[in-house]
Amino acid sequence: MSNESGNSSGVSSARARGRVVGVPKRCWCGELFIPLMSKSTENPNSRYFRCLFAVEKKLSNDNHAYKWVDEALLDEIEALSFRIGRLEQTILAERVEEERKKFEEFELKLETEICARMEDVVSEAKCEVKKVLVLVFLGCLIMVLLSKVI
C-alpha cells in the first residue's frame, strides 16, 4: 500500500466532487477517510486524509478525495469560530431580552406600589374632607342657632 498521495500538489482534490469543509468523514464514493503521511518529495512527512478505497487500490491522480490535515483543521477552526460568534450573539440577545423582562417586571411592581400609595392618600384626604364638612356643618348650625337666639 502506497502512502504517497496521487495529488501531492498542495491542493486537496475534494474540489473535484465538491469541497469538504473541515475534517472529512467520507469520500464521495462512501468510503471512510484515513489519516496518512506523504512520502513525496514535494510534501515530505505532510499528513493528509485519503479515501480508503483509493488507498487500497493504490490509485493516483483519481477523483477520490483527499485533504491535507492542516487545511482540514483550519477549516474546523474557522467553522467553530463562526459558531462561537453566533452563540455569543444569541447569548447577548437572550441577556438583553432577560434584562428587558426584569425591567418590565420592576416597572409594573413600581406602578402597583405607586397606585397603592395614591389610594391610601386619596382615602386619607376623603376622610379629612368629611371631617371638615362635619365641622363646617356644625359651625353653620351653631351660627343659625345663635342668630335665632340673639
N, C-alpha and C. Protein backbone atom coordinates (compact mmCIF):
# COMPACT_ATOMS: atom_id res chain seq x y z
N MET A 1 0.83 -1.18 0.00
CA MET A 1 0.00 0.00 0.00
C MET A 1 0.88 1.24 0.00
N SER A 2 0.61 2.16 -0.88
CA SER A 2 1.41 3.36 -1.02
C SER A 2 0.84 4.46 -0.15
N ASN A 3 1.70 5.14 0.57
CA ASN A 3 1.28 6.28 1.38
C ASN A 3 1.50 7.58 0.66
N GLU A 4 1.79 7.52 -0.60
CA GLU A 4 2.03 8.72 -1.37
C GLU A 4 0.74 9.14 -2.04
N SER A 5 0.43 10.38 -1.90
CA SER A 5 -0.80 10.89 -2.50
C SER A 5 -0.58 11.10 -3.98
N GLY A 6 -1.57 10.73 -4.76
CA GLY A 6 -1.50 10.98 -6.19
C GLY A 6 -1.67 12.45 -6.49
N ASN A 7 -2.18 13.21 -5.54
CA ASN A 7 -2.41 14.65 -5.72
C ASN A 7 -1.56 15.40 -4.72
N SER A 8 -0.29 15.36 -4.84
CA SER A 8 0.58 15.98 -3.86
C SER A 8 0.98 17.39 -4.25
N SER A 9 0.16 18.03 -5.05
CA SER A 9 0.48 19.39 -5.50
C SER A 9 0.26 20.43 -4.41
N GLY A 10 -0.40 20.06 -3.33
CA GLY A 10 -0.63 21.00 -2.24
C GLY A 10 -2.07 21.47 -2.15
N VAL A 11 -2.90 21.08 -3.10
CA VAL A 11 -4.32 21.47 -3.07
C VAL A 11 -5.14 20.20 -3.03
N SER A 12 -6.07 20.13 -2.10
CA SER A 12 -6.90 18.93 -1.97
C SER A 12 -7.74 18.72 -3.20
N SER A 13 -7.94 17.46 -3.55
CA SER A 13 -8.76 17.14 -4.72
C SER A 13 -10.24 17.07 -4.38
N ALA A 14 -10.61 17.40 -3.17
CA ALA A 14 -12.01 17.36 -2.78
C ALA A 14 -12.84 18.31 -3.64
N ARG A 15 -12.18 19.27 -4.25
CA ARG A 15 -12.90 20.24 -5.09
C ARG A 15 -13.48 19.59 -6.33
N ALA A 16 -12.91 18.45 -6.75
CA ALA A 16 -13.40 17.78 -7.95
C ALA A 16 -14.84 17.32 -7.78
N ARG A 17 -15.23 16.90 -6.59
CA ARG A 17 -16.59 16.41 -6.33
C ARG A 17 -17.32 17.28 -5.32
N GLY A 18 -16.83 18.44 -5.01
CA GLY A 18 -17.44 19.31 -4.01
C GLY A 18 -16.51 19.45 -2.83
N ARG A 19 -16.32 20.65 -2.38
CA ARG A 19 -15.37 20.92 -1.30
C ARG A 19 -15.86 20.34 0.02
N VAL A 20 -14.97 19.61 0.68
CA VAL A 20 -15.26 19.07 2.01
C VAL A 20 -14.74 20.08 3.01
N VAL A 21 -15.62 20.60 3.85
CA VAL A 21 -15.23 21.59 4.86
C VAL A 21 -14.89 20.86 6.14
N GLY A 22 -13.75 21.20 6.73
CA GLY A 22 -13.34 20.59 7.98
C GLY A 22 -12.69 19.23 7.76
N VAL A 23 -12.66 18.46 8.83
CA VAL A 23 -12.07 17.13 8.77
C VAL A 23 -13.06 16.22 8.04
N PRO A 24 -12.62 15.61 6.94
CA PRO A 24 -13.55 14.78 6.15
C PRO A 24 -13.90 13.49 6.87
N LYS A 25 -15.13 13.04 6.64
CA LYS A 25 -15.59 11.79 7.23
C LYS A 25 -15.64 10.68 6.18
N ARG A 26 -16.24 11.00 5.03
CA ARG A 26 -16.39 10.01 3.98
C ARG A 26 -16.11 10.66 2.62
N CYS A 27 -15.60 9.85 1.71
CA CYS A 27 -15.37 10.28 0.34
C CYS A 27 -16.72 10.29 -0.39
N TRP A 28 -16.76 10.88 -1.56
CA TRP A 28 -17.98 10.88 -2.36
C TRP A 28 -18.43 9.47 -2.71
N CYS A 29 -17.48 8.53 -2.71
CA CYS A 29 -17.82 7.14 -3.04
C CYS A 29 -18.39 6.39 -1.83
N GLY A 30 -18.37 7.01 -0.66
CA GLY A 30 -18.93 6.38 0.54
C GLY A 30 -17.91 5.77 1.47
N GLU A 31 -16.66 5.67 1.02
CA GLU A 31 -15.62 5.09 1.87
C GLU A 31 -15.15 6.10 2.91
N LEU A 32 -14.67 5.57 4.03
CA LEU A 32 -14.13 6.43 5.08
C LEU A 32 -12.78 7.00 4.67
N PHE A 33 -12.42 8.12 5.30
CA PHE A 33 -11.10 8.69 5.11
C PHE A 33 -10.19 8.11 6.18
N ILE A 34 -8.93 7.95 5.85
CA ILE A 34 -7.94 7.52 6.84
C ILE A 34 -6.80 8.53 6.83
N PRO A 35 -6.16 8.75 7.96
CA PRO A 35 -5.02 9.66 8.01
C PRO A 35 -3.75 8.96 7.52
N LEU A 36 -3.00 9.63 6.69
CA LEU A 36 -1.75 9.10 6.15
C LEU A 36 -0.67 10.17 6.21
N MET A 37 0.57 9.77 5.88
CA MET A 37 1.68 10.71 5.82
C MET A 37 2.31 10.64 4.44
N SER A 38 2.50 11.80 3.85
CA SER A 38 3.05 11.87 2.50
C SER A 38 4.53 11.50 2.51
N LYS A 39 4.91 10.75 1.49
CA LYS A 39 6.33 10.40 1.31
C LYS A 39 6.85 11.00 0.02
N SER A 40 6.11 11.95 -0.54
CA SER A 40 6.53 12.57 -1.80
C SER A 40 7.66 13.55 -1.53
N THR A 41 8.37 13.90 -2.57
CA THR A 41 9.47 14.85 -2.41
C THR A 41 8.94 16.28 -2.28
N GLU A 42 7.75 16.56 -2.86
CA GLU A 42 7.18 17.91 -2.76
C GLU A 42 6.65 18.20 -1.35
N ASN A 43 6.10 17.19 -0.69
CA ASN A 43 5.49 17.36 0.64
C ASN A 43 5.93 16.23 1.58
N PRO A 44 7.21 16.15 1.91
CA PRO A 44 7.66 15.04 2.75
C PRO A 44 7.07 15.14 4.16
N ASN A 45 6.60 14.02 4.66
CA ASN A 45 6.09 13.89 6.02
C ASN A 45 4.87 14.78 6.31
N SER A 46 4.20 15.25 5.29
CA SER A 46 2.98 16.03 5.49
C SER A 46 1.82 15.06 5.67
N ARG A 47 0.99 15.36 6.68
CA ARG A 47 -0.14 14.48 6.98
C ARG A 47 -1.35 14.88 6.14
N TYR A 48 -2.12 13.89 5.73
CA TYR A 48 -3.33 14.13 4.93
C TYR A 48 -4.34 13.03 5.18
N PHE A 49 -5.59 13.31 4.79
CA PHE A 49 -6.66 12.31 4.85
C PHE A 49 -6.88 11.81 3.43
N ARG A 50 -7.12 10.52 3.29
CA ARG A 50 -7.30 9.94 1.96
C ARG A 50 -8.42 8.91 2.01
N CYS A 51 -9.12 8.80 0.92
CA CYS A 51 -10.20 7.82 0.77
C CYS A 51 -9.61 6.40 0.90
N LEU A 52 -10.22 5.58 1.74
CA LEU A 52 -9.72 4.22 1.97
C LEU A 52 -9.73 3.39 0.68
N PHE A 53 -10.73 3.57 -0.15
CA PHE A 53 -10.83 2.85 -1.42
C PHE A 53 -9.62 3.17 -2.30
N ALA A 54 -9.30 4.49 -2.40
CA ALA A 54 -8.18 4.90 -3.24
C ALA A 54 -6.86 4.38 -2.69
N VAL A 55 -6.73 4.31 -1.37
CA VAL A 55 -5.50 3.80 -0.76
C VAL A 55 -5.37 2.30 -1.02
N GLU A 56 -6.47 1.57 -0.82
CA GLU A 56 -6.42 0.12 -1.02
C GLU A 56 -6.13 -0.24 -2.48
N LYS A 57 -6.67 0.53 -3.42
CA LYS A 57 -6.47 0.26 -4.85
C LYS A 57 -5.19 0.93 -5.38
N LYS A 58 -4.48 1.66 -4.50
CA LYS A 58 -3.24 2.36 -4.86
C LYS A 58 -3.47 3.29 -6.06
N LEU A 59 -4.59 4.02 -5.98
CA LEU A 59 -4.93 4.95 -7.06
C LEU A 59 -4.13 6.23 -6.91
N SER A 60 -3.82 6.83 -8.04
CA SER A 60 -3.17 8.15 -8.03
C SER A 60 -3.80 8.98 -9.13
N ASN A 61 -3.84 10.30 -8.91
CA ASN A 61 -4.46 11.24 -9.85
C ASN A 61 -5.90 10.83 -10.20
N ASP A 62 -6.63 10.44 -9.18
CA ASP A 62 -8.01 9.99 -9.37
C ASP A 62 -8.97 11.05 -8.81
N ASN A 63 -10.24 10.77 -8.89
CA ASN A 63 -11.26 11.70 -8.38
C ASN A 63 -11.63 11.43 -6.93
N HIS A 64 -11.01 10.43 -6.30
CA HIS A 64 -11.30 10.17 -4.89
C HIS A 64 -10.61 11.23 -4.05
N ALA A 65 -11.34 11.73 -3.10
CA ALA A 65 -10.90 12.91 -2.36
C ALA A 65 -9.75 12.62 -1.38
N TYR A 66 -8.98 13.64 -1.16
CA TYR A 66 -8.02 13.67 -0.08
C TYR A 66 -8.00 15.10 0.43
N LYS A 67 -7.46 15.27 1.63
CA LYS A 67 -7.38 16.61 2.19
C LYS A 67 -6.21 16.67 3.17
N TRP A 68 -5.44 17.74 3.06
CA TRP A 68 -4.33 17.94 3.98
C TRP A 68 -4.87 18.16 5.38
N VAL A 69 -4.21 17.60 6.38
CA VAL A 69 -4.66 17.70 7.76
C VAL A 69 -4.68 19.16 8.22
N ASP A 70 -3.62 19.92 7.89
CA ASP A 70 -3.59 21.32 8.33
C ASP A 70 -4.72 22.13 7.71
N GLU A 71 -5.05 21.87 6.47
CA GLU A 71 -6.16 22.55 5.80
C GLU A 71 -7.49 22.17 6.47
N ALA A 72 -7.64 20.88 6.78
CA ALA A 72 -8.86 20.40 7.42
C ALA A 72 -9.04 21.03 8.80
N LEU A 73 -7.95 21.10 9.56
CA LEU A 73 -8.03 21.68 10.90
C LEU A 73 -8.31 23.18 10.85
N LEU A 74 -7.71 23.89 9.88
CA LEU A 74 -8.02 25.31 9.74
C LEU A 74 -9.49 25.52 9.40
N ASP A 75 -10.05 24.67 8.53
CA ASP A 75 -11.48 24.74 8.22
C ASP A 75 -12.32 24.53 9.48
N GLU A 76 -11.92 23.55 10.28
CA GLU A 76 -12.66 23.27 11.53
C GLU A 76 -12.60 24.47 12.46
N ILE A 77 -11.42 25.09 12.59
CA ILE A 77 -11.27 26.24 13.46
C ILE A 77 -12.14 27.40 12.98
N GLU A 78 -12.14 27.65 11.67
CA GLU A 78 -12.97 28.72 11.12
C GLU A 78 -14.46 28.45 11.36
N ALA A 79 -14.88 27.21 11.16
CA ALA A 79 -16.28 26.86 11.38
C ALA A 79 -16.65 27.03 12.85
N LEU A 80 -15.77 26.60 13.74
CA LEU A 80 -16.03 26.74 15.17
C LEU A 80 -16.05 28.21 15.59
N SER A 81 -15.16 29.01 15.02
CA SER A 81 -15.14 30.45 15.33
C SER A 81 -16.46 31.10 14.90
N PHE A 82 -16.95 30.71 13.74
CA PHE A 82 -18.23 31.24 13.27
C PHE A 82 -19.36 30.83 14.20
N ARG A 83 -19.37 29.55 14.61
CA ARG A 83 -20.42 29.08 15.52
C ARG A 83 -20.33 29.79 16.87
N ILE A 84 -19.11 30.00 17.37
CA ILE A 84 -18.93 30.71 18.64
C ILE A 84 -19.48 32.13 18.53
N GLY A 85 -19.19 32.79 17.41
CA GLY A 85 -19.72 34.14 17.20
C GLY A 85 -21.24 34.17 17.21
N ARG A 86 -21.86 33.20 16.54
CA ARG A 86 -23.33 33.12 16.53
C ARG A 86 -23.87 32.84 17.93
N LEU A 87 -23.20 31.96 18.67
CA LEU A 87 -23.63 31.66 20.04
C LEU A 87 -23.50 32.88 20.94
N GLU A 88 -22.40 33.63 20.78
CA GLU A 88 -22.23 34.85 21.56
C GLU A 88 -23.35 35.84 21.27
N GLN A 89 -23.72 35.98 19.99
CA GLN A 89 -24.82 36.88 19.62
C GLN A 89 -26.13 36.40 20.23
N THR A 90 -26.36 35.09 20.20
CA THR A 90 -27.59 34.53 20.78
C THR A 90 -27.64 34.79 22.28
N ILE A 91 -26.51 34.55 22.95
CA ILE A 91 -26.45 34.77 24.40
C ILE A 91 -26.69 36.24 24.72
N LEU A 92 -26.07 37.13 23.95
CA LEU A 92 -26.25 38.56 24.18
C LEU A 92 -27.71 38.95 23.98
N ALA A 93 -28.33 38.44 22.92
CA ALA A 93 -29.75 38.76 22.66
C ALA A 93 -30.63 38.23 23.79
N GLU A 94 -30.32 37.03 24.29
CA GLU A 94 -31.10 36.47 25.40
C GLU A 94 -30.92 37.29 26.67
N ARG A 95 -29.70 37.76 26.92
CA ARG A 95 -29.46 38.60 28.10
C ARG A 95 -30.22 39.91 28.00
N VAL A 96 -30.21 40.51 26.81
CA VAL A 96 -30.95 41.76 26.60
C VAL A 96 -32.43 41.53 26.85
N GLU A 97 -32.96 40.43 26.31
CA GLU A 97 -34.38 40.11 26.50
C GLU A 97 -34.69 39.87 27.97
N GLU A 98 -33.80 39.16 28.66
CA GLU A 98 -33.99 38.90 30.10
C GLU A 98 -33.98 40.20 30.89
N GLU A 99 -33.04 41.09 30.57
CA GLU A 99 -32.98 42.39 31.26
C GLU A 99 -34.23 43.23 30.97
N ARG A 100 -34.73 43.15 29.73
CA ARG A 100 -35.95 43.88 29.38
C ARG A 100 -37.13 43.37 30.19
N LYS A 101 -37.23 42.03 30.32
CA LYS A 101 -38.31 41.45 31.12
C LYS A 101 -38.20 41.86 32.58
N LYS A 102 -36.98 41.84 33.13
CA LYS A 102 -36.78 42.26 34.51
C LYS A 102 -37.18 43.72 34.69
N PHE A 103 -36.82 44.55 33.72
CA PHE A 103 -37.18 45.97 33.80
C PHE A 103 -38.69 46.14 33.77
N GLU A 104 -39.37 45.40 32.88
CA GLU A 104 -40.83 45.49 32.80
C GLU A 104 -41.48 45.03 34.09
N GLU A 105 -40.96 43.95 34.69
CA GLU A 105 -41.48 43.47 35.97
C GLU A 105 -41.29 44.51 37.06
N PHE A 106 -40.10 45.12 37.09
CA PHE A 106 -39.81 46.16 38.09
C PHE A 106 -40.73 47.36 37.88
N GLU A 107 -40.92 47.74 36.62
CA GLU A 107 -41.79 48.87 36.29
C GLU A 107 -43.23 48.59 36.75
N LEU A 108 -43.72 47.39 36.50
CA LEU A 108 -45.07 47.01 36.92
C LEU A 108 -45.19 47.02 38.44
N LYS A 109 -44.18 46.50 39.12
CA LYS A 109 -44.17 46.49 40.58
C LYS A 109 -44.20 47.92 41.12
N LEU A 110 -43.40 48.78 40.50
CA LEU A 110 -43.34 50.17 40.92
C LEU A 110 -44.68 50.87 40.70
N GLU A 111 -45.30 50.65 39.55
CA GLU A 111 -46.61 51.24 39.26
C GLU A 111 -47.66 50.76 40.25
N THR A 112 -47.63 49.47 40.58
CA THR A 112 -48.57 48.90 41.55
C THR A 112 -48.38 49.55 42.92
N GLU A 113 -47.14 49.72 43.33
CA GLU A 113 -46.84 50.33 44.62
C GLU A 113 -47.29 51.79 44.64
N ILE A 114 -47.05 52.51 43.55
CA ILE A 114 -47.46 53.92 43.48
C ILE A 114 -48.98 54.02 43.53
N CYS A 115 -49.68 53.15 42.81
CA CYS A 115 -51.15 53.16 42.84
C CYS A 115 -51.68 52.88 44.24
N ALA A 116 -51.07 51.93 44.93
CA ALA A 116 -51.48 51.61 46.30
C ALA A 116 -51.29 52.80 47.21
N ARG A 117 -50.16 53.48 47.09
CA ARG A 117 -49.90 54.67 47.92
C ARG A 117 -50.87 55.80 47.58
N MET A 118 -51.16 55.96 46.29
CA MET A 118 -52.11 57.01 45.88
C MET A 118 -53.49 56.72 46.46
N GLU A 119 -53.92 55.45 46.44
CA GLU A 119 -55.21 55.09 47.02
C GLU A 119 -55.25 55.40 48.51
N ASP A 120 -54.15 55.13 49.21
CA ASP A 120 -54.07 55.45 50.65
C ASP A 120 -54.20 56.95 50.87
N VAL A 121 -53.47 57.73 50.05
CA VAL A 121 -53.51 59.19 50.20
C VAL A 121 -54.91 59.72 49.89
N VAL A 122 -55.54 59.20 48.84
CA VAL A 122 -56.89 59.65 48.46
C VAL A 122 -57.89 59.31 49.55
N SER A 123 -57.80 58.10 50.13
CA SER A 123 -58.74 57.73 51.20
C SER A 123 -58.53 58.59 52.44
N GLU A 124 -57.26 58.92 52.75
CA GLU A 124 -56.99 59.81 53.87
C GLU A 124 -57.56 61.20 53.60
N ALA A 125 -57.40 61.68 52.37
CA ALA A 125 -57.92 63.00 52.00
C ALA A 125 -59.45 63.02 52.09
N LYS A 126 -60.10 61.95 51.65
CA LYS A 126 -61.56 61.86 51.74
C LYS A 126 -62.00 61.92 53.19
N CYS A 127 -61.29 61.22 54.03
CA CYS A 127 -61.62 61.21 55.47
C CYS A 127 -61.47 62.61 56.05
N GLU A 128 -60.41 63.32 55.68
CA GLU A 128 -60.18 64.68 56.17
C GLU A 128 -61.26 65.64 55.66
N VAL A 129 -61.66 65.46 54.40
CA VAL A 129 -62.71 66.30 53.82
C VAL A 129 -64.02 66.08 54.57
N LYS A 130 -64.33 64.82 54.89
CA LYS A 130 -65.55 64.53 55.63
C LYS A 130 -65.53 65.20 56.99
N LYS A 131 -64.36 65.15 57.67
CA LYS A 131 -64.24 65.81 58.98
C LYS A 131 -64.47 67.31 58.86
N VAL A 132 -63.86 67.90 57.82
CA VAL A 132 -64.02 69.35 57.62
C VAL A 132 -65.48 69.68 57.32
N LEU A 133 -66.14 68.86 56.49
CA LEU A 133 -67.54 69.09 56.16
C LEU A 133 -68.43 69.00 57.40
N VAL A 134 -68.14 68.03 58.27
CA VAL A 134 -68.90 67.90 59.51
C VAL A 134 -68.70 69.14 60.37
N LEU A 135 -67.45 69.61 60.46
CA LEU A 135 -67.16 70.80 61.26
C LEU A 135 -67.85 72.04 60.67
N VAL A 136 -67.83 72.16 59.34
CA VAL A 136 -68.48 73.29 58.69
C VAL A 136 -70.00 73.22 58.94
N PHE A 137 -70.56 72.03 58.82
CA PHE A 137 -71.99 71.88 59.06
C PHE A 137 -72.35 72.25 60.50
N LEU A 138 -71.55 71.73 61.45
CA LEU A 138 -71.80 72.06 62.86
C LEU A 138 -71.63 73.56 63.10
N GLY A 139 -70.63 74.15 62.48
CA GLY A 139 -70.41 75.60 62.63
C GLY A 139 -71.59 76.39 62.08
N CYS A 140 -72.10 75.97 60.93
CA CYS A 140 -73.25 76.65 60.34
C CYS A 140 -74.47 76.48 61.23
N LEU A 141 -74.66 75.28 61.75
CA LEU A 141 -75.80 75.02 62.63
C LEU A 141 -75.74 75.87 63.89
N ILE A 142 -74.55 75.99 64.44
CA ILE A 142 -74.37 76.81 65.63
C ILE A 142 -74.65 78.28 65.33
N MET A 143 -74.22 78.74 64.17
CA MET A 143 -74.43 80.13 63.78
C MET A 143 -75.94 80.39 63.59
N VAL A 144 -76.62 79.43 62.96
CA VAL A 144 -78.06 79.59 62.78
C VAL A 144 -78.77 79.63 64.14
N LEU A 145 -78.37 78.77 65.03
CA LEU A 145 -78.99 78.75 66.36
C LEU A 145 -78.68 80.04 67.12
N LEU A 146 -77.45 80.47 67.01
CA LEU A 146 -77.08 81.74 67.71
C LEU A 146 -77.81 82.94 67.12
N SER A 147 -78.03 82.92 65.81
CA SER A 147 -78.72 84.05 65.21
C SER A 147 -80.19 84.07 65.61
N LYS A 148 -80.79 82.95 65.88
CA LYS A 148 -82.15 82.90 66.32
C LYS A 148 -82.27 83.28 67.79
N VAL A 149 -81.25 82.99 68.55
CA VAL A 149 -81.25 83.30 69.97
C VAL A 149 -81.00 84.80 70.16
N ILE A 150 -80.29 85.38 69.41
CA ILE A 150 -79.97 86.80 69.58
C ILE A 150 -80.92 87.64 68.86
